[in-house]
Amino acid sequence: MQTFPKKQLTIIFEKPILPRMRRLLDAEGVTGYTIFPALAGRGTQGAWDSEGTLGDTGKMVQMLCVLDGDACDRVLDHVFGLLGGQIGIVTVQDVQVIRPAHF
């Protein structure tokens, strides 16, 4: 089976930023992404858990998108601008897909 190289962009950030992040990705022409709740974890400040949190403040989400390499570089610049002073983690990985037209 033939595969095609792409970049996977994973962004973890506070849920209140989600509408702005979605608008940013849409404006940059990202054709698809998936959003997951991030329920708990551990980072430089120790363990965290969103259980019992009222409202969206303190809750985290993870967005996953698969892009062409050139688009990923462009999108990363804008994501960094949005997350500059916020809590967040951004990773980029090389991935292989079997249906390149979907990305």
PDB file of N, CA and C in Angstrom:
ATOM      1  N   MET A   1       0.840  -1.180   0.000  1.00  0.00           N
ATOM      2  CA  MET A   1       0.000   0.000   0.000  1.00  0.00           C
ATOM      3  C   MET A   1       0.885   1.243   0.000  1.00  0.00           C
ATOM      4  N   GLN A   2       0.539   2.193  -0.828  1.00  0.00           N
ATOM      5  CA  GLN A   2       1.317   3.419  -0.913  1.00  0.00           C
ATOM      6  C   GLN A   2       0.907   4.377   0.201  1.00  0.00           C
ATOM      7  N   THR A   3       1.904   5.025   0.792  1.00  0.00           N
ATOM      8  CA  THR A   3       1.638   6.052   1.808  1.00  0.00           C
ATOM      9  C   THR A   3       2.257   7.369   1.358  1.00  0.00           C
ATOM     10  N   PHE A   4       1.789   8.440   1.987  1.00  0.00           N
ATOM     11  CA  PHE A   4       2.209   9.784   1.597  1.00  0.00           C
ATOM     12  C   PHE A   4       2.623  10.558   2.847  1.00  0.00           C
ATOM     13  N   PRO A   5       3.735  11.304   2.785  1.00  0.00           N
ATOM     14  CA  PRO A   5       4.221  12.025   3.974  1.00  0.00           C
ATOM     15  C   PRO A   5       3.390  13.272   4.272  1.00  0.00           C
ATOM     16  N   LYS A   6       3.114  13.471   5.538  1.00  0.00           N
ATOM     17  CA  LYS A   6       2.411  14.661   6.036  1.00  0.00           C
ATOM     18  C   LYS A   6       3.005  15.018   7.405  1.00  0.00           C
ATOM     19  N   LYS A   7       2.506  16.084   7.983  1.00  0.00           N
ATOM     20  CA  LYS A   7       2.888  16.497   9.329  1.00  0.00           C
ATOM     21  C   LYS A   7       1.653  16.405  10.224  1.00  0.00           C
ATOM     22  N   GLN A   8       1.854  15.890  11.416  1.00  0.00           N
ATOM     23  CA  GLN A   8       0.779  15.869  12.409  1.00  0.00           C
ATOM     24  C   GLN A   8       1.066  16.935  13.450  1.00  0.00           C
ATOM     25  N   LEU A   9       0.135  17.841  13.614  1.00  0.00           N
ATOM     26  CA  LEU A   9       0.244  18.925  14.576  1.00  0.00           C
ATOM     27  C   LEU A   9      -0.702  18.614  15.731  1.00  0.00           C
ATOM     28  N   THR A  10      -0.145  18.541  16.932  1.00  0.00           N
ATOM     29  CA  THR A  10      -0.932  18.297  18.139  1.00  0.00           C
ATOM     30  C   THR A  10      -0.779  19.509  19.038  1.00  0.00           C
ATOM     31  N   ILE A  11      -1.911  20.057  19.467  1.00  0.00           N
ATOM     32  CA  ILE A  11      -1.908  21.266  20.291  1.00  0.00           C
ATOM     33  C   ILE A  11      -2.770  20.996  21.520  1.00  0.00           C
ATOM     34  N   ILE A  12      -2.198  21.181  22.701  1.00  0.00           N
ATOM     35  CA  ILE A  12      -2.944  21.047  23.952  1.00  0.00           C
ATOM     36  C   ILE A  12      -2.984  22.427  24.595  1.00  0.00           C
ATOM     37  N   PHE A  13      -4.191  22.870  24.946  1.00  0.00           N
ATOM     38  CA  PHE A  13      -4.343  24.230  25.468  1.00  0.00           C
ATOM     39  C   PHE A  13      -5.612  24.316  26.306  1.00  0.00           C
ATOM     40  N   GLU A  14      -5.798  25.458  26.971  1.00  0.00           N
ATOM     41  CA  GLU A  14      -6.970  25.660  27.807  1.00  0.00           C
ATOM     42  C   GLU A  14      -8.235  25.822  26.957  1.00  0.00           C
ATOM     43  N   LYS A  15      -9.311  25.187  27.375  1.00  0.00           N
ATOM     44  CA  LYS A  15     -10.542  25.145  26.601  1.00  0.00           C
ATOM     45  C   LYS A  15     -11.128  26.516  26.253  1.00  0.00           C
ATOM     46  N   PRO A  16     -11.016  27.532  27.109  1.00  0.00           N
ATOM     47  CA  PRO A  16     -11.582  28.826  26.717  1.00  0.00           C
ATOM     48  C   PRO A  16     -10.989  29.409  25.428  1.00  0.00           C
ATOM     49  N   ILE A  17      -9.811  28.951  25.012  1.00  0.00           N
ATOM     50  CA  ILE A  17      -9.175  29.447  23.786  1.00  0.00           C
ATOM     51  C   ILE A  17      -9.703  28.717  22.550  1.00  0.00           C
ATOM     52  N   LEU A  18     -10.458  27.648  22.746  1.00  0.00           N
ATOM     53  CA  LEU A  18     -10.895  26.800  21.638  1.00  0.00           C
ATOM     54  C   LEU A  18     -11.583  27.555  20.500  1.00  0.00           C
ATOM     55  N   PRO A  19     -12.528  28.432  20.756  1.00  0.00           N
ATOM     56  CA  PRO A  19     -13.146  29.140  19.610  1.00  0.00           C
ATOM     57  C   PRO A  19     -12.136  29.928  18.783  1.00  0.00           C
ATOM     58  N   ARG A  20     -11.185  30.577  19.429  1.00  0.00           N
ATOM     59  CA  ARG A  20     -10.165  31.338  18.681  1.00  0.00           C
ATOM     60  C   ARG A  20      -9.255  30.407  17.898  1.00  0.00           C
ATOM     61  N   MET A  21      -8.895  29.251  18.494  1.00  0.00           N
ATOM     62  CA  MET A  21      -8.034  28.295  17.792  1.00  0.00           C
ATOM     63  C   MET A  21      -8.749  27.725  16.575  1.00  0.00           C
ATOM     64  N   ARG A  22     -10.018  27.424  16.705  1.00  0.00           N
ATOM     65  CA  ARG A  22     -10.776  26.916  15.561  1.00  0.00           C
ATOM     66  C   ARG A  22     -10.846  27.957  14.450  1.00  0.00           C
ATOM     67  N   ARG A  23     -11.115  29.211  14.804  1.00  0.00           N
ATOM     68  CA  ARG A  23     -11.145  30.276  13.784  1.00  0.00           C
ATOM     69  C   ARG A  23      -9.790  30.416  13.099  1.00  0.00           C
ATOM     70  N   LEU A  24      -8.706  30.330  13.886  1.00  0.00           N
ATOM     71  CA  LEU A  24      -7.361  30.443  13.324  1.00  0.00           C
ATOM     72  C   LEU A  24      -7.112  29.327  12.319  1.00  0.00           C
ATOM     73  N   LEU A  25      -7.389  28.077  12.702  1.00  0.00           N
ATOM     74  CA  LEU A  25      -7.141  26.949  11.805  1.00  0.00           C
ATOM     75  C   LEU A  25      -8.022  27.040  10.565  1.00  0.00           C
ATOM     76  N   ASP A  26      -9.275  27.440  10.744  1.00  0.00           N
ATOM     77  CA  ASP A  26     -10.161  27.600   9.589  1.00  0.00           C
ATOM     78  C   ASP A  26      -9.629  28.684   8.647  1.00  0.00           C
ATOM     79  N   ALA A  27      -9.197  29.811   9.195  1.00  0.00           N
ATOM     80  CA  ALA A  27      -8.668  30.916   8.389  1.00  0.00           C
ATOM     81  C   ALA A  27      -7.393  30.511   7.655  1.00  0.00           C
ATOM     82  N   GLU A  28      -6.621  29.601   8.227  1.00  0.00           N
ATOM     83  CA  GLU A  28      -5.381  29.143   7.594  1.00  0.00           C
ATOM     84  C   GLU A  28      -5.614  28.007   6.605  1.00  0.00           C
ATOM     85  N   GLY A  29      -6.867  27.630   6.411  1.00  0.00           N
ATOM     86  CA  GLY A  29      -7.186  26.614   5.416  1.00  0.00           C
ATOM     87  C   GLY A  29      -6.968  25.181   5.864  1.00  0.00           C
ATOM     88  N   VAL A  30      -6.883  24.959   7.171  1.00  0.00           N
ATOM     89  CA  VAL A  30      -6.757  23.587   7.674  1.00  0.00           C
ATOM     90  C   VAL A  30      -8.081  22.890   7.380  1.00  0.00           C
ATOM     91  N   THR A  31      -8.024  21.806   6.609  1.00  0.00           N
ATOM     92  CA  THR A  31      -9.252  21.175   6.123  1.00  0.00           C
ATOM     93  C   THR A  31      -9.868  20.206   7.114  1.00  0.00           C
ATOM     94  N   GLY A  32      -9.160  19.865   8.162  1.00  0.00           N
ATOM     95  CA  GLY A  32      -9.727  18.953   9.148  1.00  0.00           C
ATOM     96  C   GLY A  32      -8.908  18.917  10.421  1.00  0.00           C
ATOM     97  N   TYR A  33      -9.603  18.720  11.510  1.00  0.00           N
ATOM     98  CA  TYR A  33      -8.961  18.545  12.802  1.00  0.00           C
ATOM     99  C   TYR A  33      -9.920  17.807  13.714  1.00  0.00           C
ATOM    100  N   THR A  34      -9.391  17.228  14.753  1.00  0.00           N
ATOM    101  CA  THR A  34     -10.192  16.527  15.752  1.00  0.00           C
ATOM    102  C   THR A  34      -9.850  17.107  17.104  1.00  0.00           C
ATOM    103  N   ILE A  35     -10.873  17.272  17.938  1.00  0.00           N
ATOM    104  CA  ILE A  35     -10.706  17.864  19.264  1.00  0.00           C
ATOM    105  C   ILE A  35     -11.069  16.819  20.309  1.00  0.00           C
ATOM    106  N   PHE A  36     -10.177  16.644  21.283  1.00  0.00           N
ATOM    107  CA  PHE A  36     -10.379  15.689  22.368  1.00  0.00           C
ATOM    108  C   PHE A  36     -10.335  16.425  23.703  1.00  0.00           C
ATOM    109  N   PRO A  37     -11.092  15.966  24.686  1.00  0.00           N
ATOM    110  CA  PRO A  37     -10.909  16.527  26.028  1.00  0.00           C
ATOM    111  C   PRO A  37      -9.598  16.003  26.612  1.00  0.00           C
ATOM    112  N   ALA A  38      -8.854  16.859  27.273  1.00  0.00           N
ATOM    113  CA  ALA A  38      -7.653  16.445  28.010  1.00  0.00           C
ATOM    114  C   ALA A  38      -8.065  16.447  29.482  1.00  0.00           C
ATOM    115  N   LEU A  39      -8.186  15.285  30.086  1.00  0.00           N
ATOM    116  CA  LEU A  39      -8.801  15.153  31.400  1.00  0.00           C
ATOM    117  C   LEU A  39      -7.842  15.347  32.565  1.00  0.00           C
ATOM    118  N   ALA A  40      -6.610  14.935  32.388  1.00  0.00           N
ATOM    119  CA  ALA A  40      -5.636  15.032  33.473  1.00  0.00           C
ATOM    120  C   ALA A  40      -4.241  14.853  32.888  1.00  0.00           C
ATOM    121  N   GLY A  41      -3.233  15.216  33.662  1.00  0.00           N
ATOM    122  CA  GLY A  41      -1.868  15.042  33.196  1.00  0.00           C
ATOM    123  C   GLY A  41      -0.856  15.486  34.225  1.00  0.00           C
ATOM    124  N   ARG A  42       0.372  15.560  33.789  1.00  0.00           N
ATOM    125  CA  ARG A  42       1.459  16.011  34.641  1.00  0.00           C
ATOM    126  C   ARG A  42       2.389  16.842  33.781  1.00  0.00           C
ATOM    127  N   GLY A  43       2.827  17.976  34.316  1.00  0.00           N
ATOM    128  CA  GLY A  43       3.720  18.856  33.581  1.00  0.00           C
ATOM    129  C   GLY A  43       4.749  19.461  34.516  1.00  0.00           C
ATOM    130  N   THR A  44       5.353  20.560  34.095  1.00  0.00           N
ATOM    131  CA  THR A  44       6.405  21.196  34.880  1.00  0.00           C
ATOM    132  C   THR A  44       5.908  21.698  36.228  1.00  0.00           C
ATOM    133  N   GLN A  45       4.615  21.983  36.332  1.00  0.00           N
ATOM    134  CA  GLN A  45       4.027  22.452  37.588  1.00  0.00           C
ATOM    135  C   GLN A  45       3.447  21.306  38.412  1.00  0.00           C
ATOM    136  N   GLY A  46       3.669  20.064  37.989  1.00  0.00           N
ATOM    137  CA  GLY A  46       3.148  18.905  38.709  1.00  0.00           C
ATOM    138  C   GLY A  46       1.891  18.362  38.067  1.00  0.00           C
ATOM    139  N   ALA A  47       1.159  17.539  38.811  1.00  0.00           N
ATOM    140  CA  ALA A  47      -0.049  16.895  38.302  1.00  0.00           C
ATOM    141  C   ALA A  47      -1.200  17.890  38.237  1.00  0.00           C
ATOM    142  N   TRP A  48      -2.088  17.682  37.279  1.00  0.00           N
ATOM    143  CA  TRP A  48      -3.293  18.489  37.174  1.00  0.00           C
ATOM    144  C   TRP A  48      -4.459  17.582  36.800  1.00  0.00           C
ATOM    145  N   ASP A  49      -5.640  18.036  37.140  1.00  0.00           N
ATOM    146  CA  ASP A  49      -6.856  17.266  36.899  1.00  0.00           C
ATOM    147  C   ASP A  49      -8.003  18.249  36.755  1.00  0.00           C
ATOM    148  N   SER A  50      -8.832  18.082  35.755  1.00  0.00           N
ATOM    149  CA  SER A  50      -9.926  19.015  35.545  1.00  0.00           C
ATOM    150  C   SER A  50     -11.218  18.579  36.234  1.00  0.00           C
ATOM    151  N   GLU A  51     -11.186  17.466  36.908  1.00  0.00           N
ATOM    152  CA  GLU A  51     -12.377  16.979  37.602  1.00  0.00           C
ATOM    153  C   GLU A  51     -12.821  17.984  38.665  1.00  0.00           C
ATOM    154  N   GLY A  52     -14.083  18.271  38.694  1.00  0.00           N
ATOM    155  CA  GLY A  52     -14.627  19.205  39.675  1.00  0.00           C
ATOM    156  C   GLY A  52     -14.462  20.658  39.304  1.00  0.00           C
ATOM    157  N   THR A  53     -13.884  20.944  38.129  1.00  0.00           N
ATOM    158  CA  THR A  53     -13.697  22.321  37.679  1.00  0.00           C
ATOM    159  C   THR A  53     -15.031  22.884  37.204  1.00  0.00           C
ATOM    160  N   LEU A  54     -15.373  24.059  37.671  1.00  0.00           N
ATOM    161  CA  LEU A  54     -16.605  24.707  37.232  1.00  0.00           C
ATOM    162  C   LEU A  54     -16.319  25.521  35.977  1.00  0.00           C
ATOM    163  N   GLY A  55     -17.192  25.427  34.990  1.00  0.00           N
ATOM    164  CA  GLY A  55     -16.985  26.156  33.750  1.00  0.00           C
ATOM    165  C   GLY A  55     -15.817  25.568  32.970  1.00  0.00           C
ATOM    166  N   ASP A  56     -15.356  26.313  31.978  1.00  0.00           N
ATOM    167  CA  ASP A  56     -14.277  25.834  31.120  1.00  0.00           C
ATOM    168  C   ASP A  56     -12.892  26.246  31.594  1.00  0.00           C
ATOM    169  N   THR A  57     -12.810  27.225  32.501  1.00  0.00           N
ATOM    170  CA  THR A  57     -11.506  27.661  32.991  1.00  0.00           C
ATOM    171  C   THR A  57     -10.839  26.511  33.715  1.00  0.00           C
ATOM    172  N   GLY A  58      -9.610  26.234  33.376  1.00  0.00           N
ATOM    173  CA  GLY A  58      -8.870  25.130  33.984  1.00  0.00           C
ATOM    174  C   GLY A  58      -9.022  23.821  33.249  1.00  0.00           C
ATOM    175  N   LYS A  59      -9.947  23.748  32.302  1.00  0.00           N
ATOM    176  CA  LYS A  59     -10.096  22.536  31.493  1.00  0.00           C
ATOM    177  C   LYS A  59      -9.185  22.661  30.272  1.00  0.00           C
ATOM    178  N   MET A  60      -8.694  21.517  29.833  1.00  0.00           N
ATOM    179  CA  MET A  60      -7.774  21.478  28.697  1.00  0.00           C
ATOM    180  C   MET A  60      -8.386  20.656  27.568  1.00  0.00           C
ATOM    181  N   VAL A  61      -7.990  20.977  26.335  1.00  0.00           N
ATOM    182  CA  VAL A  61      -8.382  20.204  25.162  1.00  0.00           C
ATOM    183  C   VAL A  61      -7.138  19.918  24.331  1.00  0.00           C
ATOM    184  N   GLN A  62      -7.265  18.918  23.490  1.00  0.00           N
ATOM    185  CA  GLN A  62      -6.194  18.572  22.554  1.00  0.00           C
ATOM    186  C   GLN A  62      -6.774  18.608  21.156  1.00  0.00           C
ATOM    187  N   MET A  63      -6.083  19.304  20.264  1.00  0.00           N
ATOM    188  CA  MET A  63      -6.462  19.326  18.847  1.00  0.00           C
ATOM    189  C   MET A  63      -5.397  18.587  18.054  1.00  0.00           C
ATOM    190  N   LEU A  64      -5.857  17.773  17.130  1.00  0.00           N
ATOM    191  CA  LEU A  64      -4.964  17.011  16.273  1.00  0.00           C
ATOM    192  C   LEU A  64      -5.321  17.325  14.834  1.00  0.00           C
ATOM    193  N   CYS A  65      -4.327  17.730  14.043  1.00  0.00           N
ATOM    194  CA  CYS A  65      -4.555  17.955  12.614  1.00  0.00           C
ATOM    195  C   CYS A  65      -3.382  17.390  11.830  1.00  0.00           C
ATOM    196  N   VAL A  66      -3.673  16.994  10.608  1.00  0.00           N
ATOM    197  CA  VAL A  66      -2.663  16.464   9.691  1.00  0.00           C
ATOM    198  C   VAL A  66      -2.619  17.401   8.492  1.00  0.00           C
ATOM    199  N   LEU A  67      -1.404  17.858   8.159  1.00  0.00           N
ATOM    200  CA  LEU A  67      -1.226  18.895   7.139  1.00  0.00           C
ATOM    201  C   LEU A  67      -0.040  18.586   6.236  1.00  0.00           C
ATOM    202  N   ASP A  68       0.028  19.311   5.128  1.00  0.00           N
ATOM    203  CA  ASP A  68       1.251  19.326   4.320  1.00  0.00           C
ATOM    204  C   ASP A  68       2.334  20.064   5.101  1.00  0.00           C
ATOM    205  N   GLY A  69       3.585  19.752   4.844  1.00  0.00           N
ATOM    206  CA  GLY A  69       4.704  20.370   5.555  1.00  0.00           C
ATOM    207  C   GLY A  69       4.731  21.880   5.455  1.00  0.00           C
ATOM    208  N   ASP A  70       4.512  22.438   4.270  1.00  0.00           N
ATOM    209  CA  ASP A  70       4.528  23.892   4.100  1.00  0.00           C
ATOM    210  C   ASP A  70       3.409  24.555   4.896  1.00  0.00           C
ATOM    211  N   ALA A  71       2.228  23.960   4.865  1.00  0.00           N
ATOM    212  CA  ALA A  71       1.099  24.506   5.611  1.00  0.00           C
ATOM    213  C   ALA A  71       1.362  24.428   7.112  1.00  0.00           C
ATOM    214  N   CYS A  72       2.000  23.369   7.556  1.00  0.00           N
ATOM    215  CA  CYS A  72       2.280  23.209   8.981  1.00  0.00           C
ATOM    216  C   CYS A  72       3.179  24.328   9.487  1.00  0.00           C
ATOM    217  N   ASP A  73       4.212  24.666   8.759  1.00  0.00           N
ATOM    218  CA  ASP A  73       5.107  25.748   9.165  1.00  0.00           C
ATOM    219  C   ASP A  73       4.357  27.071   9.295  1.00  0.00           C
ATOM    220  N   ARG A  74       3.506  27.361   8.338  1.00  0.00           N
ATOM    221  CA  ARG A  74       2.724  28.595   8.356  1.00  0.00           C
ATOM    222  C   ARG A  74       1.756  28.614   9.537  1.00  0.00           C
ATOM    223  N   VAL A  75       1.045  27.509   9.744  1.00  0.00           N
ATOM    224  CA  VAL A  75       0.070  27.414  10.832  1.00  0.00           C
ATOM    225  C   VAL A  75       0.765  27.532  12.185  1.00  0.00           C
ATOM    226  N   LEU A  76       1.940  26.923  12.322  1.00  0.00           N
ATOM    227  CA  LEU A  76       2.683  26.986  13.588  1.00  0.00           C
ATOM    228  C   LEU A  76       2.980  28.422  14.003  1.00  0.00           C
ATOM    229  N   ASP A  77       3.335  29.265  13.055  1.00  0.00           N
ATOM    230  CA  ASP A  77       3.600  30.672  13.375  1.00  0.00           C
ATOM    231  C   ASP A  77       2.375  31.325  14.011  1.00  0.00           C
ATOM    232  N   HIS A  78       1.207  31.055  13.464  1.00  0.00           N
ATOM    233  CA  HIS A  78      -0.025  31.649  13.982  1.00  0.00           C
ATOM    234  C   HIS A  78      -0.444  31.028  15.318  1.00  0.00           C
ATOM    235  N   VAL A  79      -0.260  29.728  15.445  1.00  0.00           N
ATOM    236  CA  VAL A  79      -0.576  29.053  16.715  1.00  0.00           C
ATOM    237  C   VAL A  79       0.302  29.612  17.828  1.00  0.00           C
ATOM    238  N   PHE A  80       1.578  29.781  17.537  1.00  0.00           N
ATOM    239  CA  PHE A  80       2.480  30.345  18.543  1.00  0.00           C
ATOM    240  C   PHE A  80       2.034  31.743  18.953  1.00  0.00           C
ATOM    241  N   GLY A  81       1.582  32.534  17.987  1.00  0.00           N
ATOM    242  CA  GLY A  81       1.087  33.873  18.296  1.00  0.00           C
ATOM    243  C   GLY A  81      -0.118  33.841  19.220  1.00  0.00           C
ATOM    244  N   LEU A  82      -0.992  32.881  19.022  1.00  0.00           N
ATOM    245  CA  LEU A  82      -2.178  32.769  19.863  1.00  0.00           C
ATOM    246  C   LEU A  82      -1.846  32.241  21.254  1.00  0.00           C
ATOM    247  N   LEU A  83      -0.945  31.269  21.332  1.00  0.00           N
ATOM    248  CA  LEU A  83      -0.638  30.637  22.617  1.00  0.00           C
ATOM    249  C   LEU A  83       0.493  31.317  23.374  1.00  0.00           C
ATOM    250  N   GLY A  84       1.094  32.348  22.791  1.00  0.00           N
ATOM    251  CA  GLY A  84       2.256  33.007  23.376  1.00  0.00           C
ATOM    252  C   GLY A  84       2.332  33.017  24.888  1.00  0.00           C
ATOM    253  N   GLY A  85       1.381  33.623  25.587  1.00  0.00           N
ATOM    254  CA  GLY A  85       1.426  33.721  27.038  1.00  0.00           C
ATOM    255  C   GLY A  85       0.511  32.734  27.734  1.00  0.00           C
ATOM    256  N   GLN A  86      -0.004  31.745  27.003  1.00  0.00           N
ATOM    257  CA  GLN A  86      -0.969  30.794  27.549  1.00  0.00           C
ATOM    258  C   GLN A  86      -0.299  29.480  27.932  1.00  0.00           C
ATOM    259  N   ILE A  87      -1.032  28.692  28.700  1.00  0.00           N
ATOM    260  CA  ILE A  87      -0.612  27.322  28.970  1.00  0.00           C
ATOM    261  C   ILE A  87      -0.841  26.524  27.698  1.00  0.00           C
ATOM    262  N   GLY A  88       0.142  25.758  27.275  1.00  0.00           N
ATOM    263  CA  GLY A  88      -0.061  24.956  26.081  1.00  0.00           C
ATOM    264  C   GLY A  88       1.160  24.161  25.686  1.00  0.00           C
ATOM    265  N   ILE A  89       0.909  23.118  24.949  1.00  0.00           N
ATOM    266  CA  ILE A  89       1.961  22.251  24.414  1.00  0.00           C
ATOM    267  C   ILE A  89       1.680  22.070  22.933  1.00  0.00           C
ATOM    268  N   VAL A  90       2.702  22.202  22.108  1.00  0.00           N
ATOM    269  CA  VAL A  90       2.563  22.008  20.671  1.00  0.00           C
ATOM    270  C   VAL A  90       3.637  21.024  20.231  1.00  0.00           C
ATOM    271  N   THR A  91       3.224  19.976  19.531  1.00  0.00           N
ATOM    272  CA  THR A  91       4.191  19.021  18.981  1.00  0.00           C
ATOM    273  C   THR A  91       3.923  18.843  17.492  1.00  0.00           C
ATOM    274  N   VAL A  92       4.967  18.500  16.760  1.00  0.00           N
ATOM    275  CA  VAL A  92       4.879  18.228  15.326  1.00  0.00           C
ATOM    276  C   VAL A  92       5.571  16.897  15.078  1.00  0.00           C
ATOM    277  N   GLN A  93       4.905  16.038  14.330  1.00  0.00           N
ATOM    278  CA  GLN A  93       5.472  14.731  14.003  1.00  0.00           C
ATOM    279  C   GLN A  93       5.351  14.474  12.507  1.00  0.00           C
ATOM    280  N   ASP A  94       6.292  13.723  11.985  1.00  0.00           N
ATOM    281  CA  ASP A  94       6.176  13.227  10.619  1.00  0.00           C
ATOM    282  C   ASP A  94       5.268  12.006  10.655  1.00  0.00           C
ATOM    283  N   VAL A  95       4.263  11.977   9.766  1.00  0.00           N
ATOM    284  CA  VAL A  95       3.347  10.842   9.687  1.00  0.00           C
ATOM    285  C   VAL A  95       3.186  10.436   8.228  1.00  0.00           C
ATOM    286  N   GLN A  96       2.640   9.265   8.027  1.00  0.00           N
ATOM    287  CA  GLN A  96       2.323   8.760   6.699  1.00  0.00           C
ATOM    288  C   GLN A  96       0.816   8.522   6.637  1.00  0.00           C
ATOM    289  N   VAL A  97       0.179   8.958   5.554  1.00  0.00           N
ATOM    290  CA  VAL A  97      -1.256   8.746   5.369  1.00  0.00           C
ATOM    291  C   VAL A  97      -1.497   7.930   4.111  1.00  0.00           C
ATOM    292  N   ILE A  98      -2.663   7.312   4.031  1.00  0.00           N
ATOM    293  CA  ILE A  98      -2.963   6.498   2.840  1.00  0.00           C
ATOM    294  C   ILE A  98      -3.939   7.198   1.900  1.00  0.00           C
ATOM    295  N   ARG A  99      -4.560   8.294   2.363  1.00  0.00           N
ATOM    296  CA  ARG A  99      -5.481   9.061   1.500  1.00  0.00           C
ATOM    297  C   ARG A  99      -5.076  10.532   1.540  1.00  0.00           C
ATOM    298  N   PRO A 100      -4.088  10.931   0.754  1.00  0.00           N
ATOM    299  CA  PRO A 100      -3.549  12.284   0.840  1.00  0.00           C
ATOM    300  C   PRO A 100      -4.556  13.377   0.486  1.00  0.00           C
ATOM    301  N   ALA A 101      -5.548  13.072  -0.298  1.00  0.00           N
ATOM    302  CA  ALA A 101      -6.519  14.097  -0.689  1.00  0.00           C
ATOM    303  C   ALA A 101      -7.372  14.560   0.483  1.00  0.00           C
ATOM    304  N   HIS A 102      -7.375  13.835   1.582  1.00  0.00           N
ATOM    305  CA  HIS A 102      -8.174  14.191   2.751  1.00  0.00           C
ATOM    306  C   HIS A 102      -7.501  15.256   3.605  1.00  0.00           C
ATOM    307  N   PHE A 103      -6.245  15.582   3.291  1.00  0.00           N
ATOM    308  CA  PHE A 103      -5.503  16.518   4.137  1.00  0.00           C
ATOM    309  C   PHE A 103      -5.005  17.690   3.324  1.00  0.00           C
TER     310      PHE A 103
END
